[in-house]
Amino acid sequence: MNRFRVRSGALEKIMQERFLSVLELSKISGLSRPSLYSIINEKVSYVRVANCKKLADALEVSVEDIFFIENDDR
């Protein structure tokens, strides 16, 4: 099974380049602030595909700019 993991520092870097706060990104992406903090601080192991897409769409970047796919063959 493939899972999405955040690229270390990628989301924060894009937010800084665009002068976006977590609150602003929360509003445009539809994700909660606690969820965003968990993703930014890499407190979650994997991010749902739908949330990856929401963030990428909100930031107008590709999913691959923020996340990488990890193959989890069990």
N, C-alpha and C. Protein backbone atom coordinates (compact mmCIF):
# COMPACT_ATOMS: atom_id res chain seq x y z
N MET A 1 0.84 -1.18 0.00
CA MET A 1 0.00 0.00 0.00
C MET A 1 0.89 1.25 0.00
N ASN A 2 0.54 2.22 -0.78
CA ASN A 2 1.28 3.48 -0.83
C ASN A 2 0.68 4.48 0.14
N ARG A 3 1.55 5.21 0.83
CA ARG A 3 1.10 6.22 1.78
C ARG A 3 1.87 7.51 1.54
N PHE A 4 1.22 8.61 1.85
CA PHE A 4 1.85 9.92 1.67
C PHE A 4 2.47 10.39 2.97
N ARG A 5 3.73 10.81 2.88
CA ARG A 5 4.45 11.39 4.02
C ARG A 5 4.90 12.79 3.63
N VAL A 6 4.95 13.66 4.60
CA VAL A 6 5.33 15.04 4.33
C VAL A 6 6.84 15.13 4.08
N ARG A 7 7.21 15.93 3.09
CA ARG A 7 8.63 16.22 2.86
C ARG A 7 9.07 17.18 3.96
N SER A 8 10.10 16.84 4.65
CA SER A 8 10.56 17.62 5.79
C SER A 8 10.80 19.08 5.40
N GLY A 9 10.06 19.98 6.04
CA GLY A 9 10.23 21.41 5.82
C GLY A 9 9.57 21.97 4.58
N ALA A 10 9.04 21.13 3.71
CA ALA A 10 8.50 21.61 2.43
C ALA A 10 7.28 22.50 2.62
N LEU A 11 6.36 22.07 3.45
CA LEU A 11 5.13 22.85 3.64
C LEU A 11 5.45 24.18 4.31
N GLU A 12 6.29 24.14 5.33
CA GLU A 12 6.69 25.37 6.01
C GLU A 12 7.37 26.36 5.06
N LYS A 13 8.22 25.85 4.21
CA LYS A 13 8.95 26.71 3.26
C LYS A 13 7.98 27.41 2.32
N ILE A 14 7.02 26.66 1.77
CA ILE A 14 6.04 27.25 0.86
C ILE A 14 5.21 28.29 1.59
N MET A 15 4.81 27.98 2.82
CA MET A 15 4.03 28.94 3.60
C MET A 15 4.82 30.22 3.84
N GLN A 16 6.10 30.09 4.17
CA GLN A 16 6.94 31.27 4.41
C GLN A 16 7.11 32.10 3.15
N GLU A 17 7.32 31.43 2.02
CA GLU A 17 7.49 32.14 0.75
C GLU A 17 6.25 32.94 0.38
N ARG A 18 5.09 32.45 0.82
CA ARG A 18 3.83 33.12 0.48
C ARG A 18 3.27 33.93 1.64
N PHE A 19 4.04 34.04 2.70
CA PHE A 19 3.63 34.79 3.89
C PHE A 19 2.27 34.32 4.42
N LEU A 20 2.10 33.00 4.47
CA LEU A 20 0.85 32.41 4.95
C LEU A 20 1.01 31.91 6.37
N SER A 21 0.05 32.23 7.21
CA SER A 21 0.03 31.67 8.56
C SER A 21 -0.75 30.35 8.53
N VAL A 22 -0.65 29.62 9.62
CA VAL A 22 -1.42 28.37 9.72
C VAL A 22 -2.91 28.68 9.67
N LEU A 23 -3.32 29.76 10.31
CA LEU A 23 -4.73 30.14 10.29
C LEU A 23 -5.20 30.42 8.86
N GLU A 24 -4.41 31.16 8.10
CA GLU A 24 -4.78 31.46 6.72
C GLU A 24 -4.83 30.20 5.86
N LEU A 25 -3.83 29.33 6.02
CA LEU A 25 -3.84 28.08 5.25
C LEU A 25 -5.01 27.20 5.66
N SER A 26 -5.36 27.23 6.92
CA SER A 26 -6.52 26.48 7.39
C SER A 26 -7.79 26.94 6.68
N LYS A 27 -7.93 28.24 6.57
CA LYS A 27 -9.12 28.80 5.92
C LYS A 27 -9.19 28.45 4.44
N ILE A 28 -8.06 28.52 3.73
CA ILE A 28 -8.13 28.26 2.29
C ILE A 28 -8.10 26.78 1.94
N SER A 29 -7.59 25.96 2.85
CA SER A 29 -7.51 24.52 2.55
C SER A 29 -8.69 23.73 3.11
N GLY A 30 -9.33 24.28 4.15
CA GLY A 30 -10.41 23.54 4.79
C GLY A 30 -9.94 22.56 5.85
N LEU A 31 -8.64 22.52 6.11
CA LEU A 31 -8.11 21.64 7.15
C LEU A 31 -8.04 22.42 8.46
N SER A 32 -8.22 21.73 9.56
CA SER A 32 -8.18 22.40 10.86
C SER A 32 -6.76 22.82 11.22
N ARG A 33 -6.65 23.81 12.09
CA ARG A 33 -5.33 24.25 12.54
C ARG A 33 -4.58 23.12 13.24
N PRO A 34 -5.22 22.36 14.14
CA PRO A 34 -4.49 21.25 14.77
C PRO A 34 -3.97 20.23 13.75
N SER A 35 -4.76 19.96 12.72
CA SER A 35 -4.31 19.02 11.68
C SER A 35 -3.10 19.58 10.95
N LEU A 36 -3.14 20.86 10.62
CA LEU A 36 -2.02 21.48 9.93
C LEU A 36 -0.76 21.48 10.80
N TYR A 37 -0.91 21.83 12.07
CA TYR A 37 0.25 21.80 12.97
C TYR A 37 0.85 20.40 13.04
N SER A 38 -0.01 19.39 13.08
CA SER A 38 0.48 18.00 13.13
C SER A 38 1.26 17.64 11.87
N ILE A 39 0.77 18.11 10.72
CA ILE A 39 1.45 17.83 9.45
C ILE A 39 2.77 18.60 9.38
N ILE A 40 2.73 19.89 9.70
CA ILE A 40 3.92 20.73 9.64
C ILE A 40 5.01 20.22 10.57
N ASN A 41 4.62 19.84 11.77
CA ASN A 41 5.59 19.39 12.77
C ASN A 41 5.88 17.89 12.68
N GLU A 42 5.36 17.27 11.63
CA GLU A 42 5.59 15.85 11.35
C GLU A 42 5.22 14.96 12.54
N LYS A 43 4.09 15.29 13.17
CA LYS A 43 3.57 14.50 14.29
C LYS A 43 2.71 13.34 13.81
N VAL A 44 2.37 13.35 12.53
CA VAL A 44 1.59 12.26 11.95
C VAL A 44 2.50 11.44 11.05
N SER A 45 2.29 10.15 11.05
CA SER A 45 3.12 9.27 10.21
C SER A 45 2.76 9.41 8.75
N TYR A 46 1.48 9.46 8.49
CA TYR A 46 0.99 9.51 7.11
C TYR A 46 -0.14 10.51 7.00
N VAL A 47 -0.30 11.07 5.82
CA VAL A 47 -1.36 12.05 5.57
C VAL A 47 -2.32 11.45 4.55
N ARG A 48 -3.60 11.62 4.81
CA ARG A 48 -4.62 11.10 3.89
C ARG A 48 -4.50 11.76 2.52
N VAL A 49 -4.79 10.99 1.50
CA VAL A 49 -4.71 11.48 0.13
C VAL A 49 -5.57 12.72 -0.06
N ALA A 50 -6.78 12.70 0.48
CA ALA A 50 -7.69 13.85 0.33
C ALA A 50 -7.08 15.11 0.94
N ASN A 51 -6.42 14.97 2.08
CA ASN A 51 -5.80 16.13 2.73
C ASN A 51 -4.57 16.61 1.97
N CYS A 52 -3.83 15.68 1.39
CA CYS A 52 -2.70 16.06 0.53
C CYS A 52 -3.19 16.92 -0.62
N LYS A 53 -4.26 16.48 -1.23
CA LYS A 53 -4.83 17.19 -2.39
C LYS A 53 -5.34 18.57 -1.97
N LYS A 54 -6.01 18.65 -0.82
CA LYS A 54 -6.53 19.93 -0.35
C LYS A 54 -5.39 20.94 -0.15
N LEU A 55 -4.32 20.48 0.47
CA LEU A 55 -3.19 21.38 0.71
C LEU A 55 -2.52 21.81 -0.59
N ALA A 56 -2.30 20.86 -1.47
CA ALA A 56 -1.67 21.18 -2.75
C ALA A 56 -2.53 22.15 -3.56
N ASP A 57 -3.82 21.91 -3.59
CA ASP A 57 -4.73 22.80 -4.32
C ASP A 57 -4.73 24.20 -3.71
N ALA A 58 -4.77 24.27 -2.39
CA ALA A 58 -4.80 25.57 -1.70
C ALA A 58 -3.53 26.37 -1.97
N LEU A 59 -2.40 25.67 -2.08
CA LEU A 59 -1.12 26.33 -2.30
C LEU A 59 -0.74 26.43 -3.78
N GLU A 60 -1.59 25.85 -4.63
CA GLU A 60 -1.36 25.84 -6.08
C GLU A 60 0.00 25.23 -6.43
N VAL A 61 0.27 24.08 -5.83
CA VAL A 61 1.47 23.30 -6.11
C VAL A 61 1.05 21.86 -6.35
N SER A 62 1.98 21.04 -6.79
CA SER A 62 1.65 19.62 -6.95
C SER A 62 1.78 18.92 -5.60
N VAL A 63 1.09 17.83 -5.46
CA VAL A 63 1.16 17.04 -4.23
C VAL A 63 2.61 16.64 -3.96
N GLU A 64 3.35 16.32 -5.02
CA GLU A 64 4.74 15.89 -4.89
C GLU A 64 5.66 16.99 -4.37
N ASP A 65 5.24 18.25 -4.47
CA ASP A 65 6.05 19.34 -3.92
C ASP A 65 6.06 19.33 -2.39
N ILE A 66 5.02 18.74 -1.80
CA ILE A 66 4.87 18.75 -0.35
C ILE A 66 5.06 17.36 0.26
N PHE A 67 4.64 16.34 -0.48
CA PHE A 67 4.62 14.98 0.06
C PHE A 67 5.39 14.02 -0.83
N PHE A 68 5.80 12.91 -0.25
CA PHE A 68 6.36 11.83 -1.05
C PHE A 68 5.60 10.56 -0.73
N ILE A 69 5.62 9.65 -1.68
CA ILE A 69 4.90 8.39 -1.52
C ILE A 69 5.85 7.36 -0.94
N GLU A 70 5.40 6.74 0.12
CA GLU A 70 6.17 5.67 0.75
C GLU A 70 5.43 4.36 0.52
N ASN A 71 6.13 3.40 -0.01
CA ASN A 71 5.53 2.09 -0.26
C ASN A 71 5.60 1.29 1.03
N ASP A 72 4.44 0.87 1.51
CA ASP A 72 4.35 0.14 2.77
C ASP A 72 3.86 -1.27 2.48
N ASP A 73 4.74 -2.10 1.95
CA ASP A 73 4.38 -3.49 1.64
C ASP A 73 4.41 -4.32 2.91
N ARG A 74 3.26 -4.78 3.29
CA ARG A 74 3.17 -5.63 4.49
C ARG A 74 2.74 -7.00 4.11
